[in-house]
Amino acid sequence: MKNLKQASKVVPKSWFREILFPVTLFVVVLVSAGSAALYFNHISNMQSIELLRQSARRAVVQCYSIEGKYPEEIDYLEENYGLDYNHDKYFVDYEVFGANVMPNIEVYERK
């Protein structure tokens, strides 16, 4: 009989297991997902910048191989060699040193 009375008693769950643990777990998962999204967005932006830089260099080399000189301005590559990019999102710094010296090309993201 003694065991039956003990078995019939319902032991209440602690507030930690009922409320605090699920809420804490939800917050940790939410913060982790947010951090992962920000990280992947940053990586995607860095890859886009590198891809644009490579495309600009490829267009410059193609221009040099066809015309025998490097273009004076980046606009020339856009008009004649198909270089296309979002001017509102990226800034391309194009520095020319001479007709037969490879220009310096840097790409920056506009804020």
PDB file of N, CA and C in Angstrom:
ATOM      1  N   MET A   1       0.793  -1.189   0.000  1.00  0.00           N
ATOM      2  CA  MET A   1       0.000   0.000   0.000  1.00  0.00           C
ATOM      3  C   MET A   1       0.846   1.270   0.000  1.00  0.00           C
ATOM      4  N   LYS A   2       1.917   1.169   0.690  1.00  0.00           N
ATOM      5  CA  LYS A   2       2.784   2.322   0.794  1.00  0.00           C
ATOM      6  C   LYS A   2       3.338   2.701  -0.589  1.00  0.00           C
ATOM      7  N   ASN A   3       3.718   1.721  -1.382  1.00  0.00           N
ATOM      8  CA  ASN A   3       4.242   1.970  -2.722  1.00  0.00           C
ATOM      9  C   ASN A   3       3.172   2.546  -3.641  1.00  0.00           C
ATOM     10  N   LEU A   4       1.936   2.121  -3.468  1.00  0.00           N
ATOM     11  CA  LEU A   4       0.840   2.603  -4.287  1.00  0.00           C
ATOM     12  C   LEU A   4       0.586   4.079  -4.038  1.00  0.00           C
ATOM     13  N   LYS A   5       0.648   4.533  -2.806  1.00  0.00           N
ATOM     14  CA  LYS A   5       0.448   5.941  -2.495  1.00  0.00           C
ATOM     15  C   LYS A   5       1.578   6.787  -3.086  1.00  0.00           C
ATOM     16  N   GLN A   6       2.778   6.281  -3.012  1.00  0.00           N
ATOM     17  CA  GLN A   6       3.913   7.021  -3.556  1.00  0.00           C
ATOM     18  C   GLN A   6       3.823   7.101  -5.084  1.00  0.00           C
ATOM     19  N   ALA A   7       3.380   6.039  -5.716  1.00  0.00           N
ATOM     20  CA  ALA A   7       3.275   6.013  -7.176  1.00  0.00           C
ATOM     21  C   ALA A   7       2.164   6.930  -7.661  1.00  0.00           C
ATOM     22  N   SER A   8       1.120   7.098  -6.881  1.00  0.00           N
ATOM     23  CA  SER A   8      -0.003   7.919  -7.323  1.00  0.00           C
ATOM     24  C   SER A   8       0.268   9.409  -7.196  1.00  0.00           C
ATOM     25  N   LYS A   9       1.277   9.782  -6.441  1.00  0.00           N
ATOM     26  CA  LYS A   9       1.623  11.196  -6.319  1.00  0.00           C
ATOM     27  C   LYS A   9       2.278  11.668  -7.612  1.00  0.00           C
ATOM     28  N   VAL A  10       1.805  12.757  -8.151  1.00  0.00           N
ATOM     29  CA  VAL A  10       2.383  13.328  -9.368  1.00  0.00           C
ATOM     30  C   VAL A  10       3.433  14.345  -8.949  1.00  0.00           C
ATOM     31  N   VAL A  11       4.622  14.118  -9.415  1.00  0.00           N
ATOM     32  CA  VAL A  11       5.712  15.026  -9.087  1.00  0.00           C
ATOM     33  C   VAL A  11       5.653  16.181 -10.081  1.00  0.00           C
ATOM     34  N   PRO A  12       5.454  17.419  -9.626  1.00  0.00           N
ATOM     35  CA  PRO A  12       5.386  18.549 -10.556  1.00  0.00           C
ATOM     36  C   PRO A  12       6.749  18.803 -11.200  1.00  0.00           C
ATOM     37  N   LYS A  13       6.717  19.152 -12.477  1.00  0.00           N
ATOM     38  CA  LYS A  13       7.956  19.481 -13.178  1.00  0.00           C
ATOM     39  C   LYS A  13       8.477  20.814 -12.675  1.00  0.00           C
ATOM     40  N   SER A  14       9.747  20.950 -12.723  1.00  0.00           N
ATOM     41  CA  SER A  14      10.325  22.203 -12.260  1.00  0.00           C
ATOM     42  C   SER A  14      10.127  23.281 -13.334  1.00  0.00           C
ATOM     43  N   TRP A  15      10.140  24.506 -12.939  1.00  0.00           N
ATOM     44  CA  TRP A  15       9.956  25.617 -13.877  1.00  0.00           C
ATOM     45  C   TRP A  15      11.102  25.684 -14.875  1.00  0.00           C
ATOM     46  N   PHE A  16      12.277  25.160 -14.478  1.00  0.00           N
ATOM     47  CA  PHE A  16      13.415  25.146 -15.396  1.00  0.00           C
ATOM     48  C   PHE A  16      13.121  24.266 -16.608  1.00  0.00           C
ATOM     49  N   ARG A  17      12.623  23.068 -16.376  1.00  0.00           N
ATOM     50  CA  ARG A  17      12.358  22.155 -17.477  1.00  0.00           C
ATOM     51  C   ARG A  17      11.141  22.577 -18.285  1.00  0.00           C
ATOM     52  N   GLU A  18      10.192  23.224 -17.678  1.00  0.00           N
ATOM     53  CA  GLU A  18       8.981  23.610 -18.387  1.00  0.00           C
ATOM     54  C   GLU A  18       9.138  24.900 -19.185  1.00  0.00           C
ATOM     55  N   ILE A  19       9.826  25.885 -18.640  1.00  0.00           N
ATOM     56  CA  ILE A  19       9.840  27.213 -19.260  1.00  0.00           C
ATOM     57  C   ILE A  19      11.240  27.655 -19.660  1.00  0.00           C
ATOM     58  N   LEU A  20      12.149  27.677 -18.746  1.00  0.00           N
ATOM     59  CA  LEU A  20      13.456  28.278 -18.988  1.00  0.00           C
ATOM     60  C   LEU A  20      14.269  27.523 -20.029  1.00  0.00           C
ATOM     61  N   PHE A  21      14.311  26.220 -19.968  1.00  0.00           N
ATOM     62  CA  PHE A  21      15.099  25.457 -20.931  1.00  0.00           C
ATOM     63  C   PHE A  21      14.596  25.623 -22.367  1.00  0.00           C
ATOM     64  N   PRO A  22      13.297  25.491 -22.660  1.00  0.00           N
ATOM     65  CA  PRO A  22      12.839  25.693 -24.037  1.00  0.00           C
ATOM     66  C   PRO A  22      13.066  27.116 -24.548  1.00  0.00           C
ATOM     67  N   VAL A  23      12.866  28.105 -23.692  1.00  0.00           N
ATOM     68  CA  VAL A  23      13.075  29.493 -24.092  1.00  0.00           C
ATOM     69  C   VAL A  23      14.555  29.734 -24.386  1.00  0.00           C
ATOM     70  N   THR A  24      15.423  29.235 -23.533  1.00  0.00           N
ATOM     71  CA  THR A  24      16.866  29.386 -23.740  1.00  0.00           C
ATOM     72  C   THR A  24      17.299  28.682 -25.024  1.00  0.00           C
ATOM     73  N   LEU A  25      16.807  27.492 -25.236  1.00  0.00           N
ATOM     74  CA  LEU A  25      17.133  26.744 -26.445  1.00  0.00           C
ATOM     75  C   LEU A  25      16.657  27.494 -27.692  1.00  0.00           C
ATOM     76  N   PHE A  26      15.461  28.050 -27.654  1.00  0.00           N
ATOM     77  CA  PHE A  26      14.927  28.822 -28.780  1.00  0.00           C
ATOM     78  C   PHE A  26      15.796  30.045 -29.072  1.00  0.00           C
ATOM     79  N   VAL A  27      16.206  30.750 -28.040  1.00  0.00           N
ATOM     80  CA  VAL A  27      17.054  31.940 -28.212  1.00  0.00           C
ATOM     81  C   VAL A  27      18.406  31.548 -28.804  1.00  0.00           C
ATOM     82  N   VAL A  28      18.997  30.466 -28.330  1.00  0.00           N
ATOM     83  CA  VAL A  28      20.289  30.009 -28.858  1.00  0.00           C
ATOM     84  C   VAL A  28      20.159  29.638 -30.327  1.00  0.00           C
ATOM     85  N   VAL A  29      19.109  28.926 -30.687  1.00  0.00           N
ATOM     86  CA  VAL A  29      18.894  28.548 -32.090  1.00  0.00           C
ATOM     87  C   VAL A  29      18.663  29.788 -32.944  1.00  0.00           C
ATOM     88  N   LEU A  30      17.892  30.735 -32.456  1.00  0.00           N
ATOM     89  CA  LEU A  30      17.610  31.966 -33.198  1.00  0.00           C
ATOM     90  C   LEU A  30      18.875  32.791 -33.412  1.00  0.00           C
ATOM     91  N   VAL A  31      19.688  32.944 -32.390  1.00  0.00           N
ATOM     92  CA  VAL A  31      20.944  33.693 -32.507  1.00  0.00           C
ATOM     93  C   VAL A  31      21.903  32.980 -33.450  1.00  0.00           C
ATOM     94  N   SER A  32      21.973  31.674 -33.373  1.00  0.00           N
ATOM     95  CA  SER A  32      22.844  30.905 -34.266  1.00  0.00           C
ATOM     96  C   SER A  32      22.405  31.057 -35.722  1.00  0.00           C
ATOM     97  N   ALA A  33      21.117  30.991 -35.980  1.00  0.00           N
ATOM     98  CA  ALA A  33      20.615  31.143 -37.344  1.00  0.00           C
ATOM     99  C   ALA A  33      20.891  32.557 -37.865  1.00  0.00           C
ATOM    100  N   GLY A  34      20.705  33.554 -37.029  1.00  0.00           N
ATOM    101  CA  GLY A  34      20.995  34.931 -37.429  1.00  0.00           C
ATOM    102  C   GLY A  34      22.469  35.144 -37.721  1.00  0.00           C
ATOM    103  N   SER A  35      23.317  34.589 -36.893  1.00  0.00           N
ATOM    104  CA  SER A  35      24.764  34.705 -37.117  1.00  0.00           C
ATOM    105  C   SER A  35      25.182  34.001 -38.401  1.00  0.00           C
ATOM    106  N   ALA A  36      24.612  32.841 -38.653  1.00  0.00           N
ATOM    107  CA  ALA A  36      24.927  32.103 -39.879  1.00  0.00           C
ATOM    108  C   ALA A  36      24.472  32.882 -41.105  1.00  0.00           C
ATOM    109  N   ALA A  37      23.302  33.495 -41.048  1.00  0.00           N
ATOM    110  CA  ALA A  37      22.803  34.282 -42.178  1.00  0.00           C
ATOM    111  C   ALA A  37      23.712  35.477 -42.454  1.00  0.00           C
ATOM    112  N   LEU A  38      24.139  36.169 -41.407  1.00  0.00           N
ATOM    113  CA  LEU A  38      25.050  37.303 -41.586  1.00  0.00           C
ATOM    114  C   LEU A  38      26.398  36.848 -42.156  1.00  0.00           C
ATOM    115  N   TYR A  39      26.896  35.729 -41.683  1.00  0.00           N
ATOM    116  CA  TYR A  39      28.172  35.203 -42.165  1.00  0.00           C
ATOM    117  C   TYR A  39      28.077  34.842 -43.647  1.00  0.00           C
ATOM    118  N   PHE A  40      27.022  34.136 -44.039  1.00  0.00           N
ATOM    119  CA  PHE A  40      26.873  33.741 -45.436  1.00  0.00           C
ATOM    120  C   PHE A  40      26.654  34.958 -46.338  1.00  0.00           C
ATOM    121  N   ASN A  41      25.986  35.979 -45.840  1.00  0.00           N
ATOM    122  CA  ASN A  41      25.813  37.216 -46.607  1.00  0.00           C
ATOM    123  C   ASN A  41      27.169  37.896 -46.827  1.00  0.00           C
ATOM    124  N   HIS A  42      27.993  37.926 -45.791  1.00  0.00           N
ATOM    125  CA  HIS A  42      29.333  38.521 -45.897  1.00  0.00           C
ATOM    126  C   HIS A  42      30.192  37.745 -46.895  1.00  0.00           C
ATOM    127  N   ILE A  43      30.167  36.435 -46.812  1.00  0.00           N
ATOM    128  CA  ILE A  43      30.944  35.605 -47.733  1.00  0.00           C
ATOM    129  C   ILE A  43      30.460  35.808 -49.164  1.00  0.00           C
ATOM    130  N   SER A  44      29.169  35.892 -49.362  1.00  0.00           N
ATOM    131  CA  SER A  44      28.611  36.110 -50.700  1.00  0.00           C
ATOM    132  C   SER A  44      29.055  37.456 -51.265  1.00  0.00           C
ATOM    133  N   ASN A  45      29.045  38.494 -50.447  1.00  0.00           N
ATOM    134  CA  ASN A  45      29.496  39.814 -50.893  1.00  0.00           C
ATOM    135  C   ASN A  45      30.977  39.799 -51.256  1.00  0.00           C
ATOM    136  N   MET A  46      31.788  39.132 -50.447  1.00  0.00           N
ATOM    137  CA  MET A  46      33.216  39.053 -50.744  1.00  0.00           C
ATOM    138  C   MET A  46      33.468  38.303 -52.056  1.00  0.00           C
ATOM    139  N   GLN A  47      32.706  37.254 -52.308  1.00  0.00           N
ATOM    140  CA  GLN A  47      32.857  36.510 -53.552  1.00  0.00           C
ATOM    141  C   GLN A  47      32.416  37.347 -54.748  1.00  0.00           C
ATOM    142  N   SER A  48      31.366  38.136 -54.580  1.00  0.00           N
ATOM    143  CA  SER A  48      30.904  39.004 -55.664  1.00  0.00           C
ATOM    144  C   SER A  48      31.953  40.057 -56.003  1.00  0.00           C
ATOM    145  N   ILE A  49      32.588  40.614 -54.988  1.00  0.00           N
ATOM    146  CA  ILE A  49      33.638  41.605 -55.205  1.00  0.00           C
ATOM    147  C   ILE A  49      34.816  40.976 -55.940  1.00  0.00           C
ATOM    148  N   GLU A  50      35.213  39.785 -55.518  1.00  0.00           N
ATOM    149  CA  GLU A  50      36.333  39.102 -56.172  1.00  0.00           C
ATOM    150  C   GLU A  50      35.986  38.723 -57.612  1.00  0.00           C
ATOM    151  N   LEU A  51      34.761  38.302 -57.853  1.00  0.00           N
ATOM    152  CA  LEU A  51      34.332  37.960 -59.207  1.00  0.00           C
ATOM    153  C   LEU A  51      34.353  39.181 -60.116  1.00  0.00           C
ATOM    154  N   LEU A  52      33.898  40.326 -59.623  1.00  0.00           N
ATOM    155  CA  LEU A  52      33.932  41.554 -60.415  1.00  0.00           C
ATOM    156  C   LEU A  52      35.374  41.973 -60.703  1.00  0.00           C
ATOM    157  N   ARG A  53      36.250  41.852 -59.722  1.00  0.00           N
ATOM    158  CA  ARG A  53      37.659  42.190 -59.930  1.00  0.00           C
ATOM    159  C   ARG A  53      38.286  41.294 -60.992  1.00  0.00           C
ATOM    160  N   GLN A  54      37.999  40.011 -60.939  1.00  0.00           N
ATOM    161  CA  GLN A  54      38.519  39.082 -61.941  1.00  0.00           C
ATOM    162  C   GLN A  54      37.950  39.370 -63.327  1.00  0.00           C
ATOM    163  N   SER A  55      36.682  39.709 -63.395  1.00  0.00           N
ATOM    164  CA  SER A  55      36.058  40.034 -64.684  1.00  0.00           C
ATOM    165  C   SER A  55      36.684  41.283 -65.291  1.00  0.00           C
ATOM    166  N   ALA A  56      36.942  42.276 -64.463  1.00  0.00           N
ATOM    167  CA  ALA A  56      37.572  43.505 -64.948  1.00  0.00           C
ATOM    168  C   ALA A  56      38.994  43.218 -65.432  1.00  0.00           C
ATOM    169  N   ARG A  57      39.737  42.418 -64.702  1.00  0.00           N
ATOM    170  CA  ARG A  57      41.104  42.070 -65.129  1.00  0.00           C
ATOM    171  C   ARG A  57      41.081  41.286 -66.446  1.00  0.00           C
ATOM    172  N   ARG A  58      40.115  40.372 -66.573  1.00  0.00           N
ATOM    173  CA  ARG A  58      40.006  39.592 -67.792  1.00  0.00           C
ATOM    174  C   ARG A  58      39.695  40.495 -68.986  1.00  0.00           C
ATOM    175  N   ALA A  59      38.816  41.472 -68.790  1.00  0.00           N
ATOM    176  CA  ALA A  59      38.479  42.406 -69.863  1.00  0.00           C
ATOM    177  C   ALA A  59      39.684  43.273 -70.226  1.00  0.00           C
ATOM    178  N   VAL A  60      40.458  43.681 -69.215  1.00  0.00           N
ATOM    179  CA  VAL A  60      41.663  44.486 -69.457  1.00  0.00           C
ATOM    180  C   VAL A  60      42.682  43.690 -70.275  1.00  0.00           C
ATOM    181  N   VAL A  61      42.897  42.445 -69.899  1.00  0.00           N
ATOM    182  CA  VAL A  61      43.860  41.601 -70.630  1.00  0.00           C
ATOM    183  C   VAL A  61      43.376  41.338 -72.049  1.00  0.00           C
ATOM    184  N   GLN A  62      42.094  41.117 -72.210  1.00  0.00           N
ATOM    185  CA  GLN A  62      41.547  40.906 -73.547  1.00  0.00           C
ATOM    186  C   GLN A  62      41.730  42.151 -74.405  1.00  0.00           C
ATOM    187  N   CYS A  63      41.480  43.314 -73.848  1.00  0.00           N
ATOM    188  CA  CYS A  63      41.676  44.571 -74.573  1.00  0.00           C
ATOM    189  C   CYS A  63      43.139  44.723 -74.974  1.00  0.00           C
ATOM    190  N   TYR A  64      44.043  44.429 -74.063  1.00  0.00           N
ATOM    191  CA  TYR A  64      45.468  44.556 -74.367  1.00  0.00           C
ATOM    192  C   TYR A  64      45.898  43.583 -75.462  1.00  0.00           C
ATOM    193  N   SER A  65      45.369  42.375 -75.416  1.00  0.00           N
ATOM    194  CA  SER A  65      45.766  41.392 -76.427  1.00  0.00           C
ATOM    195  C   SER A  65      45.204  41.730 -77.803  1.00  0.00           C
ATOM    196  N   ILE A  66      44.065  42.389 -77.860  1.00  0.00           N
ATOM    197  CA  ILE A  66      43.475  42.750 -79.151  1.00  0.00           C
ATOM    198  C   ILE A  66      44.029  44.071 -79.671  1.00  0.00           C
ATOM    199  N   GLU A  67      44.128  45.075 -78.799  1.00  0.00           N
ATOM    200  CA  GLU A  67      44.484  46.425 -79.240  1.00  0.00           C
ATOM    201  C   GLU A  67      45.947  46.783 -79.006  1.00  0.00           C
ATOM    202  N   GLY A  68      46.648  46.024 -78.176  1.00  0.00           N
ATOM    203  CA  GLY A  68      48.054  46.301 -77.926  1.00  0.00           C
ATOM    204  C   GLY A  68      48.310  47.368 -76.884  1.00  0.00           C
ATOM    205  N   LYS A  69      47.275  47.824 -76.217  1.00  0.00           N
ATOM    206  CA  LYS A  69      47.423  48.801 -75.129  1.00  0.00           C
ATOM    207  C   LYS A  69      46.283  48.606 -74.146  1.00  0.00           C
ATOM    208  N   TYR A  70      46.527  49.054 -72.923  1.00  0.00           N
ATOM    209  CA  TYR A  70      45.497  48.958 -71.897  1.00  0.00           C
ATOM    210  C   TYR A  70      44.549  50.142 -72.044  1.00  0.00           C
ATOM    211  N   PRO A  71      43.263  49.951 -71.723  1.00  0.00           N
ATOM    212  CA  PRO A  71      42.314  51.069 -71.848  1.00  0.00           C
ATOM    213  C   PRO A  71      42.588  52.168 -70.826  1.00  0.00           C
ATOM    214  N   GLU A  72      42.262  53.388 -71.222  1.00  0.00           N
ATOM    215  CA  GLU A  72      42.471  54.549 -70.346  1.00  0.00           C
ATOM    216  C   GLU A  72      41.475  54.589 -69.187  1.00  0.00           C
ATOM    217  N   GLU A  73      40.234  54.156 -69.445  1.00  0.00           N
ATOM    218  CA  GLU A  73      39.179  54.238 -68.441  1.00  0.00           C
ATOM    219  C   GLU A  73      38.380  52.938 -68.397  1.00  0.00           C
ATOM    220  N   ILE A  74      37.735  52.717 -67.283  1.00  0.00           N
ATOM    221  CA  ILE A  74      36.917  51.517 -67.107  1.00  0.00           C
ATOM    222  C   ILE A  74      35.679  51.572 -68.009  1.00  0.00           C
ATOM    223  N   ASP A  75      35.228  52.780 -68.338  1.00  0.00           N
ATOM    224  CA  ASP A  75      34.063  52.929 -69.222  1.00  0.00           C
ATOM    225  C   ASP A  75      34.311  52.301 -70.585  1.00  0.00           C
ATOM    226  N   TYR A  76      35.546  52.352 -71.052  1.00  0.00           N
ATOM    227  CA  TYR A  76      35.897  51.769 -72.343  1.00  0.00           C
ATOM    228  C   TYR A  76      35.666  50.257 -72.323  1.00  0.00           C
ATOM    229  N   LEU A  77      35.960  49.632 -71.209  1.00  0.00           N
ATOM    230  CA  LEU A  77      35.718  48.196 -71.073  1.00  0.00           C
ATOM    231  C   LEU A  77      34.221  47.882 -71.047  1.00  0.00           C
ATOM    232  N   GLU A  78      33.450  48.746 -70.445  1.00  0.00           N
ATOM    233  CA  GLU A  78      32.003  48.546 -70.410  1.00  0.00           C
ATOM    234  C   GLU A  78      31.398  48.666 -71.806  1.00  0.00           C
ATOM    235  N   GLU A  79      31.853  49.649 -72.554  1.00  0.00           N
ATOM    236  CA  GLU A  79      31.290  49.886 -73.881  1.00  0.00           C
ATOM    237  C   GLU A  79      31.746  48.845 -74.908  1.00  0.00           C
ATOM    238  N   ASN A  80      33.010  48.431 -74.870  1.00  0.00           N
ATOM    239  CA  ASN A  80      33.573  47.604 -75.939  1.00  0.00           C
ATOM    240  C   ASN A  80      33.843  46.146 -75.577  1.00  0.00           C
ATOM    241  N   TYR A  81      33.932  45.832 -74.294  1.00  0.00           N
ATOM    242  CA  TYR A  81      34.307  44.470 -73.910  1.00  0.00           C
ATOM    243  C   TYR A  81      33.304  43.793 -72.984  1.00  0.00           C
ATOM    244  N   GLY A  82      32.139  44.356 -72.847  1.00  0.00           N
ATOM    245  CA  GLY A  82      31.049  43.693 -72.133  1.00  0.00           C
ATOM    246  C   GLY A  82      31.159  43.649 -70.623  1.00  0.00           C
ATOM    247  N   LEU A  83      32.015  44.461 -70.038  1.00  0.00           N
ATOM    248  CA  LEU A  83      32.088  44.502 -68.580  1.00  0.00           C
ATOM    249  C   LEU A  83      30.833  45.193 -68.069  1.00  0.00           C
ATOM    250  N   ASP A  84      30.127  44.515 -67.181  1.00  0.00           N
ATOM    251  CA  ASP A  84      28.869  45.057 -66.663  1.00  0.00           C
ATOM    252  C   ASP A  84      28.807  44.793 -65.162  1.00  0.00           C
ATOM    253  N   TYR A  85      28.470  45.815 -64.394  1.00  0.00           N
ATOM    254  CA  TYR A  85      28.345  45.652 -62.948  1.00  0.00           C
ATOM    255  C   TYR A  85      27.380  46.689 -62.405  1.00  0.00           C
ATOM    256  N   ASN A  86      26.941  46.488 -61.198  1.00  0.00           N
ATOM    257  CA  ASN A  86      25.999  47.375 -60.530  1.00  0.00           C
ATOM    258  C   ASN A  86      26.767  48.578 -59.969  1.00  0.00           C
ATOM    259  N   HIS A  87      26.597  49.731 -60.610  1.00  0.00           N
ATOM    260  CA  HIS A  87      27.312  50.941 -60.197  1.00  0.00           C
ATOM    261  C   HIS A  87      26.828  51.460 -58.842  1.00  0.00           C
ATOM    262  N   ASP A  88      25.601  51.135 -58.489  1.00  0.00           N
ATOM    263  CA  ASP A  88      25.076  51.578 -57.197  1.00  0.00           C
ATOM    264  C   ASP A  88      25.642  50.753 -56.036  1.00  0.00           C
ATOM    265  N   LYS A  89      26.031  49.506 -56.319  1.00  0.00           N
ATOM    266  CA  LYS A  89      26.508  48.620 -55.262  1.00  0.00           C
ATOM    267  C   LYS A  89      28.031  48.573 -55.161  1.00  0.00           C
ATOM    268  N   TYR A  90      28.734  48.726 -56.292  1.00  0.00           N
ATOM    269  CA  TYR A  90      30.190  48.594 -56.310  1.00  0.00           C
ATOM    270  C   TYR A  90      30.862  49.824 -56.891  1.00  0.00           C
ATOM    271  N   PHE A  91      32.053  50.111 -56.366  1.00  0.00           N
ATOM    272  CA  PHE A  91      32.916  51.158 -56.911  1.00  0.00           C
ATOM    273  C   PHE A  91      34.190  50.479 -57.403  1.00  0.00           C
ATOM    274  N   VAL A  92      34.527  50.712 -58.676  1.00  0.00           N
ATOM    275  CA  VAL A  92      35.733  50.124 -59.254  1.00  0.00           C
ATOM    276  C   VAL A  92      36.775  51.227 -59.362  1.00  0.00           C
ATOM    277  N   ASP A  93      37.871  51.063 -58.631  1.00  0.00           N
ATOM    278  CA  ASP A  93      38.996  52.001 -58.686  1.00  0.00           C
ATOM    279  C   ASP A  93      39.949  51.489 -59.763  1.00  0.00           C
ATOM    280  N   TYR A  94      40.087  52.252 -60.834  1.00  0.00           N
ATOM    281  CA  TYR A  94      40.864  51.839 -62.000  1.00  0.00           C
ATOM    282  C   TYR A  94      41.985  52.845 -62.200  1.00  0.00           C
ATOM    283  N   GLU A  95      43.214  52.446 -61.892  1.00  0.00           N
ATOM    284  CA  GLU A  95      44.365  53.345 -61.993  1.00  0.00           C
ATOM    285  C   GLU A  95      45.259  52.906 -63.152  1.00  0.00           C
ATOM    286  N   VAL A  96      45.461  53.814 -64.112  1.00  0.00           N
ATOM    287  CA  VAL A  96      46.300  53.531 -65.276  1.00  0.00           C
ATOM    288  C   VAL A  96      47.667  54.162 -65.056  1.00  0.00           C
ATOM    289  N   PHE A  97      48.723  53.383 -65.322  1.00  0.00           N
ATOM    290  CA  PHE A  97      50.091  53.873 -65.165  1.00  0.00           C
ATOM    291  C   PHE A  97      50.753  54.171 -66.502  1.00  0.00           C
ATOM    292  N   GLY A  98      50.269  53.554 -67.560  1.00  0.00           N
ATOM    293  CA  GLY A  98      50.838  53.737 -68.889  1.00  0.00           C
ATOM    294  C   GLY A  98      50.121  52.821 -69.861  1.00  0.00           C
ATOM    295  N   ALA A  99      50.382  53.034 -71.153  1.00  0.00           N
ATOM    296  CA  ALA A  99      49.678  52.265 -72.169  1.00  0.00           C
ATOM    297  C   ALA A  99      50.072  50.790 -72.154  1.00  0.00           C
ATOM    298  N   ASN A 100      51.271  50.480 -71.688  1.00  0.00           N
ATOM    299  CA  ASN A 100      51.705  49.086 -71.693  1.00  0.00           C
ATOM    300  C   ASN A 100      52.001  48.537 -70.294  1.00  0.00           C
ATOM    301  N   VAL A 101      51.462  49.176 -69.267  1.00  0.00           N
ATOM    302  CA  VAL A 101      51.599  48.707 -67.890  1.00  0.00           C
ATOM    303  C   VAL A 101      50.204  48.332 -67.387  1.00  0.00           C
ATOM    304  N   MET A 102      50.101  47.127 -66.839  1.00  0.00           N
ATOM    305  CA  MET A 102      48.805  46.639 -66.348  1.00  0.00           C
ATOM    306  C   MET A 102      48.230  47.595 -65.309  1.00  0.00           C
ATOM    307  N   PRO A 103      46.996  48.056 -65.524  1.00  0.00           N
ATOM    308  CA  PRO A 103      46.382  48.970 -64.551  1.00  0.00           C
ATOM    309  C   PRO A 103      46.061  48.266 -63.232  1.00  0.00           C
ATOM    310  N   ASN A 104      45.987  49.047 -62.186  1.00  0.00           N
ATOM    311  CA  ASN A 104      45.604  48.532 -60.880  1.00  0.00           C
ATOM    312  C   ASN A 104      44.085  48.596 -60.770  1.00  0.00           C
ATOM    313  N   ILE A 105      43.455  47.479 -60.461  1.00  0.00           N
ATOM    314  CA  ILE A 105      41.994  47.416 -60.373  1.00  0.00           C
ATOM    315  C   ILE A 105      41.616  46.972 -58.970  1.00  0.00           C
ATOM    316  N   GLU A 106      40.864  47.794 -58.279  1.00  0.00           N
ATOM    317  CA  GLU A 106      40.341  47.474 -56.957  1.00  0.00           C
ATOM    318  C   GLU A 106      38.831  47.664 -56.976  1.00  0.00           C
ATOM    319  N   VAL A 107      38.122  46.797 -56.295  1.00  0.00           N
ATOM    320  CA  VAL A 107      36.653  46.867 -56.237  1.00  0.00           C
ATOM    321  C   VAL A 107      36.254  47.034 -54.788  1.00  0.00           C
ATOM    322  N   TYR A 108      35.357  47.988 -54.554  1.00  0.00           N
ATOM    323  CA  TYR A 108      34.855  48.262 -53.201  1.00  0.00           C
ATOM    324  C   TYR A 108      33.335  48.240 -53.219  1.00  0.00           C
ATOM    325  N   GLU A 109      32.776  47.806 -52.111  1.00  0.00           N
ATOM    326  CA  GLU A 109      31.320  47.814 -51.979  1.00  0.00           C
ATOM    327  C   GLU A 109      30.881  49.174 -51.439  1.00  0.00           C
ATOM    328  N   ARG A 110      29.919  49.758 -52.100  1.00  0.00           N
ATOM    329  CA  ARG A 110      29.361  51.037 -51.617  1.00  0.00           C
ATOM    330  C   ARG A 110      28.420  50.754 -50.462  1.00  0.00           C
ATOM    331  N   LYS A 111      28.389  51.649 -49.517  1.00  0.00           N
ATOM    332  CA  LYS A 111      27.513  51.483 -48.353  1.00  0.00           C
ATOM    333  C   LYS A 111      26.237  52.235 -48.527  1.00  0.00           C
TER     334      LYS A 111
END
